[in-house]
Amino acid sequence: MTRKCHGCCRPGCHKEHKHHDNKNCKCECVDALAEALKDNENEFVVVFEKNAIVIGRIDEVRDDKVLVLDVVIAKFAFFGDRVVPFFPIVGVITFDAYISICEITEFLTVDGPGGAETFANNLQTQLQP
């Protein structure tokens, strides 16, 4: 019995992997991105998703499917023409981010927490009307 792959990042991926079961079906783009993220564990990054930008430190990549950021500096969520920024309050409100690797379009490394904060502040300034 053959199964189609579900949750792949490329349309038509199931055609290439039709002889694999769902547990083993992953697209090349997800594998490569997961490896690149693993290579940058404990580094600060800017992660671009379809509707958000998240800035934080990579804690781990789980099962090549989920990126965990443990020191989140900021998140900017985009809803149509609106931008909603989320900033943790040090010592009061902190949060981890769990991001599906399939939803990541790209990421940038930044120079430590200072670089991440500078990037977040500059982005917030640019996004203000």
C-alpha atoms as a PDB file:
ATOM      1  CA  MET A   1       0.000   0.000   0.000  1.00  0.00           C
ATOM      2  CA  THR A   2       1.304   3.457  -0.839  1.00  0.00           C
ATOM      3  CA  ARG A   3       0.444   6.596   1.077  1.00  0.00           C
ATOM      4  CA  LYS A   4       0.710  10.209   0.159  1.00  0.00           C
ATOM      5  CA  CYS A   5       2.897  12.478   2.221  1.00  0.00           C
ATOM      6  CA  HIS A   6       1.128  15.116   4.271  1.00  0.00           C
ATOM      7  CA  GLY A   7       2.528  18.331   5.650  1.00  0.00           C
ATOM      8  CA  CYS A   8       5.349  18.682   3.134  1.00  0.00           C
ATOM      9  CA  CYS A   9       6.496  22.132   2.176  1.00  0.00           C
ATOM     10  CA  ARG A  10       6.546  21.633  -1.593  1.00  0.00           C
ATOM     11  CA  PRO A  11       3.450  21.032  -3.698  1.00  0.00           C
ATOM     12  CA  GLY A  12       3.695  17.666  -5.403  1.00  0.00           C
ATOM     13  CA  CYS A  13       6.185  16.301  -2.877  1.00  0.00           C
ATOM     14  CA  HIS A  14       3.958  13.270  -2.301  1.00  0.00           C
ATOM     15  CA  LYS A  15       4.581  12.186  -5.882  1.00  0.00           C
ATOM     16  CA  GLU A  16       8.306  11.885  -5.197  1.00  0.00           C
ATOM     17  CA  HIS A  17       7.828   9.998  -1.942  1.00  0.00           C
ATOM     18  CA  LYS A  18       4.819   7.820  -2.740  1.00  0.00           C
ATOM     19  CA  HIS A  19       6.554   4.650  -1.558  1.00  0.00           C
ATOM     20  CA  HIS A  20       7.283   5.996   1.918  1.00  0.00           C
ATOM     21  CA  ASP A  21       4.982   6.097   4.886  1.00  0.00           C
ATOM     22  CA  ASN A  22       3.979   9.406   6.451  1.00  0.00           C
ATOM     23  CA  LYS A  23       6.435   9.088   9.349  1.00  0.00           C
ATOM     24  CA  ASN A  24       9.416   8.996   6.999  1.00  0.00           C
ATOM     25  CA  CYS A  25       8.179  11.516   4.472  1.00  0.00           C
ATOM     26  CA  LYS A  26       9.958  14.847   4.623  1.00  0.00           C
ATOM     27  CA  CYS A  27      10.845  17.289   1.919  1.00  0.00           C
ATOM     28  CA  GLU A  28      14.405  18.259   1.157  1.00  0.00           C
ATOM     29  CA  CYS A  29      13.787  21.915   2.010  1.00  0.00           C
ATOM     30  CA  VAL A  30      12.642  21.036   5.540  1.00  0.00           C
ATOM     31  CA  ASP A  31      15.596  18.697   6.086  1.00  0.00           C
ATOM     32  CA  ALA A  32      18.113  21.296   4.921  1.00  0.00           C
ATOM     33  CA  LEU A  33      16.542  24.046   7.027  1.00  0.00           C
ATOM     34  CA  ALA A  34      16.441  21.814  10.116  1.00  0.00           C
ATOM     35  CA  GLU A  35      20.153  21.027   9.674  1.00  0.00           C
ATOM     36  CA  ALA A  36      21.032  24.704   9.247  1.00  0.00           C
ATOM     37  CA  LEU A  37      19.067  25.583  12.394  1.00  0.00           C
ATOM     38  CA  LYS A  38      20.784  22.786  14.355  1.00  0.00           C
ATOM     39  CA  ASP A  39      24.146  24.169  13.242  1.00  0.00           C
ATOM     40  CA  ASN A  40      23.180  27.449  14.935  1.00  0.00           C
ATOM     41  CA  GLU A  41      21.897  26.093  18.273  1.00  0.00           C
ATOM     42  CA  ASN A  42      22.467  28.550  21.152  1.00  0.00           C
ATOM     43  CA  GLU A  43      22.798  31.399  18.638  1.00  0.00           C
ATOM     44  CA  PHE A  44      20.445  34.359  18.340  1.00  0.00           C
ATOM     45  CA  VAL A  45      18.422  34.408  15.135  1.00  0.00           C
ATOM     46  CA  VAL A  46      15.706  36.288  13.303  1.00  0.00           C
ATOM     47  CA  VAL A  47      13.123  33.803  11.998  1.00  0.00           C
ATOM     48  CA  PHE A  48      10.812  34.808   9.166  1.00  0.00           C
ATOM     49  CA  GLU A  49       7.480  33.012   8.952  1.00  0.00           C
ATOM     50  CA  LYS A  50       4.591  33.600   6.566  1.00  0.00           C
ATOM     51  CA  ASN A  51       2.821  35.991   8.980  1.00  0.00           C
ATOM     52  CA  ALA A  52       5.406  36.732  11.654  1.00  0.00           C
ATOM     53  CA  ILE A  53       8.987  37.560  12.498  1.00  0.00           C
ATOM     54  CA  VAL A  54      10.411  36.060  15.694  1.00  0.00           C
ATOM     55  CA  ILE A  55      13.729  37.064  17.260  1.00  0.00           C
ATOM     56  CA  GLY A  56      15.334  34.816  19.855  1.00  0.00           C
ATOM     57  CA  ARG A  57      17.910  32.169  20.737  1.00  0.00           C
ATOM     58  CA  ILE A  58      17.732  28.652  19.311  1.00  0.00           C
ATOM     59  CA  ASP A  59      17.321  26.150  22.126  1.00  0.00           C
ATOM     60  CA  GLU A  60      16.783  23.057  19.999  1.00  0.00           C
ATOM     61  CA  VAL A  61      15.307  21.547  16.869  1.00  0.00           C
ATOM     62  CA  ARG A  62      12.890  18.739  17.773  1.00  0.00           C
ATOM     63  CA  ASP A  63      12.590  15.797  15.394  1.00  0.00           C
ATOM     64  CA  ASP A  64      13.595  18.055  12.481  1.00  0.00           C
ATOM     65  CA  LYS A  65      10.060  19.494  12.662  1.00  0.00           C
ATOM     66  CA  VAL A  66       9.877  22.101  15.434  1.00  0.00           C
ATOM     67  CA  LEU A  67      12.230  24.972  16.224  1.00  0.00           C
ATOM     68  CA  VAL A  68      12.315  25.946  19.907  1.00  0.00           C
ATOM     69  CA  LEU A  69      13.495  29.456  20.789  1.00  0.00           C
ATOM     70  CA  ASP A  70      14.112  29.825  24.525  1.00  0.00           C
ATOM     71  CA  VAL A  71      15.136  33.475  24.859  1.00  0.00           C
ATOM     72  CA  VAL A  72      12.593  35.358  22.773  1.00  0.00           C
ATOM     73  CA  ILE A  73      13.498  39.014  22.335  1.00  0.00           C
ATOM     74  CA  ALA A  74      10.426  39.928  20.269  1.00  0.00           C
ATOM     75  CA  LYS A  75       7.738  38.659  17.941  1.00  0.00           C
ATOM     76  CA  PHE A  76       5.991  40.698  15.292  1.00  0.00           C
ATOM     77  CA  ALA A  77       2.742  39.155  14.029  1.00  0.00           C
ATOM     78  CA  PHE A  78       1.174  40.460  10.828  1.00  0.00           C
ATOM     79  CA  PHE A  79      -2.605  40.541  10.404  1.00  0.00           C
ATOM     80  CA  GLY A  80      -3.447  42.086   7.053  1.00  0.00           C
ATOM     81  CA  ASP A  81      -2.107  45.635   7.250  1.00  0.00           C
ATOM     82  CA  ARG A  82      -1.713  45.506  11.055  1.00  0.00           C
ATOM     83  CA  VAL A  83       1.423  44.609  12.978  1.00  0.00           C
ATOM     84  CA  VAL A  84       1.167  43.355  16.555  1.00  0.00           C
ATOM     85  CA  PRO A  85       4.479  43.369  18.437  1.00  0.00           C
ATOM     86  CA  PHE A  86       5.081  41.095  21.424  1.00  0.00           C
ATOM     87  CA  PHE A  87       7.941  41.942  23.767  1.00  0.00           C
ATOM     88  CA  PRO A  88       8.686  39.942  26.918  1.00  0.00           C
ATOM     89  CA  ILE A  89       9.149  41.897  30.142  1.00  0.00           C
ATOM     90  CA  VAL A  90      12.408  40.732  31.692  1.00  0.00           C
ATOM     91  CA  GLY A  91      11.766  39.071  35.044  1.00  0.00           C
ATOM     92  CA  VAL A  92       7.991  39.401  34.662  1.00  0.00           C
ATOM     93  CA  ILE A  93       6.817  37.912  31.363  1.00  0.00           C
ATOM     94  CA  THR A  94       8.990  35.609  29.311  1.00  0.00           C
ATOM     95  CA  PHE A  95       8.049  33.093  26.690  1.00  0.00           C
ATOM     96  CA  ASP A  96       9.464  30.357  24.529  1.00  0.00           C
ATOM     97  CA  ALA A  97       8.478  30.062  20.892  1.00  0.00           C
ATOM     98  CA  TYR A  98       7.669  26.776  19.177  1.00  0.00           C
ATOM     99  CA  ILE A  99       7.740  27.186  15.405  1.00  0.00           C
ATOM    100  CA  SER A 100       6.939  24.583  12.766  1.00  0.00           C
ATOM    101  CA  ILE A 101       9.964  24.343  10.492  1.00  0.00           C
ATOM    102  CA  CYS A 102       7.556  23.978   7.547  1.00  0.00           C
ATOM    103  CA  GLU A 103       6.347  27.532   8.277  1.00  0.00           C
ATOM    104  CA  ILE A 104       9.816  29.114   8.237  1.00  0.00           C
ATOM    105  CA  THR A 105      10.763  30.879   5.017  1.00  0.00           C
ATOM    106  CA  GLU A 106      14.262  31.918   6.110  1.00  0.00           C
ATOM    107  CA  PHE A 107      16.353  32.905   9.115  1.00  0.00           C
ATOM    108  CA  LEU A 108      19.254  35.238   9.877  1.00  0.00           C
ATOM    109  CA  THR A 109      21.872  34.927  12.581  1.00  0.00           C
ATOM    110  CA  VAL A 110      22.532  38.020  14.695  1.00  0.00           C
ATOM    111  CA  ASP A 111      25.375  38.911  17.021  1.00  0.00           C
ATOM    112  CA  GLY A 112      24.198  37.852  20.480  1.00  0.00           C
ATOM    113  CA  PRO A 113      21.347  39.259  22.553  1.00  0.00           C
ATOM    114  CA  GLY A 114      22.511  42.832  21.956  1.00  0.00           C
ATOM    115  CA  GLY A 115      22.335  42.354  18.204  1.00  0.00           C
ATOM    116  CA  ALA A 116      18.926  40.718  18.520  1.00  0.00           C
ATOM    117  CA  GLU A 117      17.579  43.605  20.619  1.00  0.00           C
ATOM    118  CA  THR A 118      18.986  46.165  18.189  1.00  0.00           C
ATOM    119  CA  PHE A 119      17.363  44.327  15.271  1.00  0.00           C
ATOM    120  CA  ALA A 120      14.014  44.191  17.126  1.00  0.00           C
ATOM    121  CA  ASN A 121      14.133  47.895  18.012  1.00  0.00           C
ATOM    122  CA  ASN A 122      15.061  48.890  14.461  1.00  0.00           C
ATOM    123  CA  LEU A 123      12.290  46.708  13.046  1.00  0.00           C
ATOM    124  CA  GLN A 124       9.740  48.215  15.425  1.00  0.00           C
ATOM    125  CA  THR A 125      10.822  51.716  14.391  1.00  0.00           C
ATOM    126  CA  GLN A 126      10.502  50.834  10.702  1.00  0.00           C
ATOM    127  CA  LEU A 127       7.049  49.293  11.170  1.00  0.00           C
ATOM    128  CA  GLN A 128       5.564  52.268  13.030  1.00  0.00           C
ATOM    129  CA  PRO A 129       3.228  54.417  10.915  1.00  0.00           C
END
